[in-house]
Amino acid sequence: MDDVGQTLLNWASAFVTLQMVEYLLENGADVNCGLKSSSLYYAACFCRPSIAKILLK
């Protein structure tokens, strides 16, 4: 978690590739971790439906 309470998965859900999100999930990233918002929230806010679908599995 960084200094503003976001995880690498949160940032990746908003700004990085689907492959990176899949990699993070395969290696134990917690979808529900983060101080203010979840990775799903960021995927939705940044119009990333393919990432949102992966996060919901």
N, C-alpha and C. Protein backbone atom coordinates (compact mmCIF):
# COMPACT_ATOMS: atom_id res chain seq x y z
N MET A 1 0.85 -1.16 0.00
CA MET A 1 0.00 0.00 0.00
C MET A 1 0.90 1.24 0.00
N ASP A 2 0.53 2.23 -0.80
CA ASP A 2 1.35 3.44 -0.87
C ASP A 2 0.93 4.47 0.18
N ASP A 3 1.50 5.65 0.10
CA ASP A 3 1.26 6.67 1.13
C ASP A 3 -0.14 7.28 1.09
N VAL A 4 -0.92 7.01 0.04
CA VAL A 4 -2.30 7.50 -0.02
C VAL A 4 -3.31 6.36 0.15
N GLY A 5 -2.81 5.18 0.53
CA GLY A 5 -3.70 4.06 0.84
C GLY A 5 -4.14 3.22 -0.34
N GLN A 6 -3.42 3.32 -1.45
CA GLN A 6 -3.79 2.54 -2.63
C GLN A 6 -2.80 1.40 -2.84
N THR A 7 -3.30 0.31 -3.36
CA THR A 7 -2.46 -0.85 -3.65
C THR A 7 -2.02 -0.81 -5.11
N LEU A 8 -1.05 -1.64 -5.43
CA LEU A 8 -0.61 -1.75 -6.81
C LEU A 8 -1.76 -2.21 -7.70
N LEU A 9 -2.59 -3.10 -7.19
CA LEU A 9 -3.75 -3.57 -7.96
C LEU A 9 -4.73 -2.43 -8.22
N ASN A 10 -4.93 -1.56 -7.25
CA ASN A 10 -5.81 -0.40 -7.47
C ASN A 10 -5.29 0.45 -8.62
N TRP A 11 -4.00 0.78 -8.58
CA TRP A 11 -3.42 1.60 -9.65
C TRP A 11 -3.47 0.88 -10.99
N ALA A 12 -3.15 -0.40 -10.99
CA ALA A 12 -3.18 -1.17 -12.23
C ALA A 12 -4.59 -1.24 -12.81
N SER A 13 -5.59 -1.34 -11.96
CA SER A 13 -6.98 -1.41 -12.43
C SER A 13 -7.40 -0.14 -13.14
N ALA A 14 -6.80 0.96 -12.77
CA ALA A 14 -7.13 2.25 -13.38
C ALA A 14 -6.28 2.57 -14.60
N PHE A 15 -5.00 2.23 -14.56
CA PHE A 15 -4.08 2.78 -15.57
C PHE A 15 -3.23 1.78 -16.35
N VAL A 16 -3.23 0.51 -15.98
CA VAL A 16 -2.28 -0.42 -16.59
C VAL A 16 -3.03 -1.49 -17.39
N THR A 17 -2.31 -2.40 -18.00
CA THR A 17 -2.90 -3.40 -18.88
C THR A 17 -3.64 -4.51 -18.13
N LEU A 18 -4.52 -5.14 -18.84
CA LEU A 18 -5.25 -6.30 -18.32
C LEU A 18 -4.28 -7.40 -17.89
N GLN A 19 -3.22 -7.59 -18.66
CA GLN A 19 -2.24 -8.62 -18.34
C GLN A 19 -1.58 -8.36 -16.98
N MET A 20 -1.32 -7.12 -16.66
CA MET A 20 -0.71 -6.80 -15.36
C MET A 20 -1.69 -7.09 -14.23
N VAL A 21 -2.96 -6.74 -14.42
CA VAL A 21 -3.98 -7.03 -13.41
C VAL A 21 -4.07 -8.54 -13.20
N GLU A 22 -4.09 -9.31 -14.27
CA GLU A 22 -4.14 -10.77 -14.15
C GLU A 22 -2.91 -11.29 -13.41
N TYR A 23 -1.74 -10.76 -13.73
CA TYR A 23 -0.50 -11.17 -13.07
C TYR A 23 -0.58 -10.90 -11.56
N LEU A 24 -1.02 -9.71 -11.20
CA LEU A 24 -1.12 -9.36 -9.78
C LEU A 24 -2.10 -10.29 -9.05
N LEU A 25 -3.23 -10.58 -9.68
CA LEU A 25 -4.22 -11.47 -9.07
C LEU A 25 -3.67 -12.89 -8.91
N GLU A 26 -2.97 -13.37 -9.93
CA GLU A 26 -2.38 -14.71 -9.88
C GLU A 26 -1.33 -14.82 -8.78
N ASN A 27 -0.76 -13.69 -8.41
CA ASN A 27 0.30 -13.68 -7.41
C ASN A 27 -0.16 -13.15 -6.05
N GLY A 28 -1.46 -13.24 -5.81
CA GLY A 28 -1.99 -13.00 -4.48
C GLY A 28 -2.49 -11.61 -4.15
N ALA A 29 -2.61 -10.72 -5.13
CA ALA A 29 -3.13 -9.38 -4.84
C ALA A 29 -4.57 -9.50 -4.32
N ASP A 30 -4.89 -8.71 -3.32
CA ASP A 30 -6.21 -8.72 -2.70
C ASP A 30 -7.11 -7.68 -3.36
N VAL A 31 -8.17 -8.14 -3.99
CA VAL A 31 -9.10 -7.26 -4.70
C VAL A 31 -9.76 -6.24 -3.77
N ASN A 32 -9.94 -6.60 -2.52
CA ASN A 32 -10.66 -5.75 -1.58
C ASN A 32 -9.77 -4.86 -0.72
N CYS A 33 -8.49 -4.91 -0.94
CA CYS A 33 -7.56 -4.13 -0.12
C CYS A 33 -7.45 -2.70 -0.64
N GLY A 34 -7.29 -1.78 0.26
CA GLY A 34 -7.18 -0.36 -0.06
C GLY A 34 -7.91 0.43 1.00
N LEU A 35 -7.42 1.59 1.34
CA LEU A 35 -8.02 2.36 2.43
C LEU A 35 -9.35 3.00 2.07
N LYS A 36 -9.47 3.53 0.87
CA LYS A 36 -10.68 4.28 0.53
C LYS A 36 -11.55 3.57 -0.50
N SER A 37 -10.94 2.99 -1.51
CA SER A 37 -11.72 2.40 -2.60
C SER A 37 -11.08 1.10 -3.06
N SER A 38 -11.88 0.25 -3.66
CA SER A 38 -11.40 -1.04 -4.14
C SER A 38 -10.89 -0.94 -5.57
N SER A 39 -10.25 -1.98 -6.01
CA SER A 39 -9.78 -2.05 -7.39
C SER A 39 -10.96 -2.01 -8.37
N LEU A 40 -12.06 -2.64 -7.99
CA LEU A 40 -13.26 -2.63 -8.84
C LEU A 40 -13.76 -1.20 -9.02
N TYR A 41 -13.74 -0.42 -7.97
CA TYR A 41 -14.14 0.99 -8.05
C TYR A 41 -13.30 1.72 -9.10
N TYR A 42 -12.00 1.52 -9.07
CA TYR A 42 -11.12 2.20 -10.02
C TYR A 42 -11.35 1.72 -11.45
N ALA A 43 -11.56 0.44 -11.62
CA ALA A 43 -11.84 -0.08 -12.96
C ALA A 43 -13.12 0.54 -13.51
N ALA A 44 -14.13 0.69 -12.67
CA ALA A 44 -15.40 1.30 -13.10
C ALA A 44 -15.23 2.78 -13.40
N CYS A 45 -14.54 3.50 -12.53
CA CYS A 45 -14.36 4.95 -12.70
C CYS A 45 -13.59 5.29 -13.97
N PHE A 46 -12.65 4.43 -14.34
CA PHE A 46 -11.82 4.70 -15.50
C PHE A 46 -12.28 3.92 -16.73
N CYS A 47 -13.54 3.46 -16.70
CA CYS A 47 -14.16 2.78 -17.85
C CYS A 47 -13.30 1.62 -18.36
N ARG A 48 -13.00 0.69 -17.46
CA ARG A 48 -12.18 -0.47 -17.79
C ARG A 48 -13.02 -1.74 -17.60
N PRO A 49 -14.04 -1.97 -18.45
CA PRO A 49 -14.95 -3.10 -18.23
C PRO A 49 -14.27 -4.47 -18.26
N SER A 50 -13.25 -4.64 -19.08
CA SER A 50 -12.58 -5.95 -19.12
C SER A 50 -11.85 -6.23 -17.81
N ILE A 51 -11.31 -5.20 -17.19
CA ILE A 51 -10.65 -5.37 -15.90
C ILE A 51 -11.69 -5.59 -14.81
N ALA A 52 -12.79 -4.86 -14.85
CA ALA A 52 -13.86 -5.05 -13.86
C ALA A 52 -14.36 -6.50 -13.89
N LYS A 53 -14.50 -7.04 -15.08
CA LYS A 53 -14.98 -8.42 -15.22
C LYS A 53 -14.02 -9.41 -14.56
N ILE A 54 -12.73 -9.22 -14.75
CA ILE A 54 -11.72 -10.09 -14.13
C ILE A 54 -11.77 -9.96 -12.61
N LEU A 55 -11.93 -8.74 -12.11
CA LEU A 55 -11.95 -8.51 -10.67
C LEU A 55 -13.17 -9.13 -10.00
N LEU A 56 -14.25 -9.26 -10.74
CA LEU A 56 -15.48 -9.84 -10.18
C LEU A 56 -15.45 -11.36 -10.08
N LYS A 57 -14.49 -11.99 -10.73
CA LYS A 57 -14.41 -13.46 -10.69
C LYS A 57 -14.00 -13.96 -9.34
